[in-house]
Structures are given as structure tokens and as C-alpha cells.
Amino acid sequence: MHPVLLVSLWLLAASPTSSISQKPTGSPATPRLQYLLEPLHTAVHTQRGATATLPCVLRALPRNYRVKWSKVEPANYGENVIIITNGLYHKNYGPLSPRVRLRHSHRYDASLTITDVTLEDEGRYRCQLVNGLEDESVSLTLHLEGVVFPYQPSNGRYRFNYHDAKRACEQQDARLATYQQLYKAWMEGLDWCNAGWVLDGTVHYPIINSREPCGGRLLLPGIRSYGPKDKQRDRFDAFCFTSALQGTSSIPQLCVVTLGLLVKSSPSIISHPGEVYFIRGHLSFKEAGQACRNHGAAIAKVGQLYSAWKFLGLDRCDGGWLADGSVRYPITTPRQHCGGLPEPGVRSFGFPSKELRTYGTYCFVGT
């Protein structure tokens, strides 16, 4: 039989079932690695839209071995297989399939490269050497650099059950933050009195400055926790996480609009992997959306404004409409006449009447 056909049949026979999911097989006591090299760093840091490589290198090549990459899914105690290789041939699986490949910089290299990293790619991965009774594995974590922001709808606080909160973050170009992301945001200064859902179904709020409405002055600063809650019945706000902007385009650096009509546009053009920019004017919410569309853009989402503030240093004192009907503005360099608060951040005017012709708009161009 032809060798290529034999390898193809072997890969299919070794493939997991159609669900491409299985429970983790690691044990608490990690055995000494014989064939796999222990990675120098077990955490890889990246941003959305970037290319990231998770290292997995063999020190020797056993006979009839396979290397299997999978993503650990704590929510369902499973692992989703991504790729299987025998060193010569490989097969990809699941939704990551179009964006993953083996680095193969040399014959001992089984490192996994993920292109166009998304928010959903963050998490723990496992590289397993399948070699009969001598199976070995190493675990690595892919961390996205990003920003956590609290989010509530226009009809007030504590309106989201867990599933509503998850959808609300996704609609704002974000996802529910993990507890670890919320903790890191608190370490970096996030102070918020309203409790919100995080990805594992628990509810928390981060406090820097202890005060009466937020658990009292006697409690130390920290992450205040309500623990796990009923995902259908209980209602809170959401803590969302977003990373760098995606997309590539060229846009006018400054536009000025009055009552929905363009009156001046700067000739300067800039290019970025996705861009949020401001159109000055006295616009209703409807006119704001049309002003962005007139330039081939869309009215920006809350997550996109936070991303532009965090990663591109967007700093404007002007309140502008966003896609959810809120009005906000990003401050990188705090100053007295821009809200007066001493910390950088994205300030909010809440959800004013959409008929008001008081604000400009923030537009997003990209993919």
C-alpha cells in the first residue's frame, strides 16, 4: 500500500471522535519528562490580531510517536483537540483549524503557532506526546493583553443574568472577563462599586477606596465576592474584557460635522490595525451613526473605545455617541477641565436622550 495512504489511514484511526472533546488526563503529580523539554516560560503574552507561538520541543524522537495539541476548557472539564502530528503529517481539528499550524523550525520542534489571535483563544493549552505507556505533556497559558471595563445597559444597573451579560459584552467587541483578568484590573486601579458577572459564573466587584456604599469603610481594599450565582435567575452588571483593535484601514484624522453634514475634513490620512476616531459636531444619535457611515466607518462600540484608549492612547475631552446609545470620552492625560478626576480612564455621560443634538461621535473603521 502507498506510504501516504498508510499515514492518512493512521491519522484517521488515531483521530478523536466527531465531538473532538475529551476529559483531561493529567495527574496532580507531574512525572519527570523524558522526551519533552520543559518550557522555559509557561505563559505566552500576546494581543488580539497578533501571531502567537506556544513552545513544545522534543529532546528525542521516540518510535511511532504522535504529538497532540489541545485547548483545556475548564467550563466543561474537557479538552478540545486542535492538531495531531507524527512529525511528517498532521491533521487539524475544530474551529481553530484555519488559524493554526506547527512551527517546525527543526525536526524536534512541535510548537503551535496561532495566527490572528482572537479574544476566545486565551486560555490553557496542552502539548501531549502520545507514545504508548510513556505519554508526556506540558501545559502552557496564552494570555491576552487587554482592558477590563464594567458594563450595564441603558435601563439601569443589575439587569443582566449571566447569559445576558455574556451577550452584552460580545455586542461591545469584548467578552466576559475572567476572574484573573478582573483581579489584574483591580491591581492596576479598577475601582467599581457595582457587582458584575465574570466568565466562570461568579459575581464580584473591585474596590480600591473603601467606602460606606461599597461594603463599608472597615473592609480592606480588594475583590469583594458574591461567589457563584444562578445564571438564569440572578441579575447583576457585567465585567467585560477586550484587547487590541482589529482591522486595517485608512481614515481622515479629524472630521467636523454639523447636523449630519460634513463641513471640513483634514487631508491627513493615517493607517492602523483598526482605528477609532472622533467626529466633532452637534449630532443626535441617528445623525452620529450616519456621519460614521458617510466615511465608510461604523459608530464605535464601547469595547473599541476602551481598546483605543488603552492601546493607542486615544485622548479627547469631547463626549461622543457610541453604538449602545451611551456617550463617553477617553482621557489618557487627566486634566481639570476634562472631568477633574485624577486617574486616566473612559468617562461616561450615561445614556442621554438619543434626540439630543449635543455631542459628536466616535467612529470605528476596520474589520
Foldseek 3Di string as FASTA:
>chain_A
DDPVVVVVVVCVVPQDPPVQKAADDDDPDADDDDFWDADPAQEWEEFAQAKTKGWIFTPDQDPPKKKWKWFQDVLVNMTHTAKMDNLPDMDGDDPQNVFWDAPCPDSRTRIIMGGRDAPVPFHKMKIWMGDPPNIHIYMHTYHYDWAKDWDDAQVDWFPAFQVRQQVVLVVQQWGFAAPVRVQVNLVVPDADQWWAAHDSQWIWGFHDQADDSRPHNVDHGGIGTPTHDDRPPGTGITITIHGAAAFKDKFFQEWEDEALHTDDTHPDIDIDRKDKHWYWYQYFLVSQQSSQVVGVWGFHGPRNQRNCCVPVVAADLFWAAHPSQWTKGWHPCDDCVSPHDRHGDIGTPRRDHSGGRHGITMTMDGD
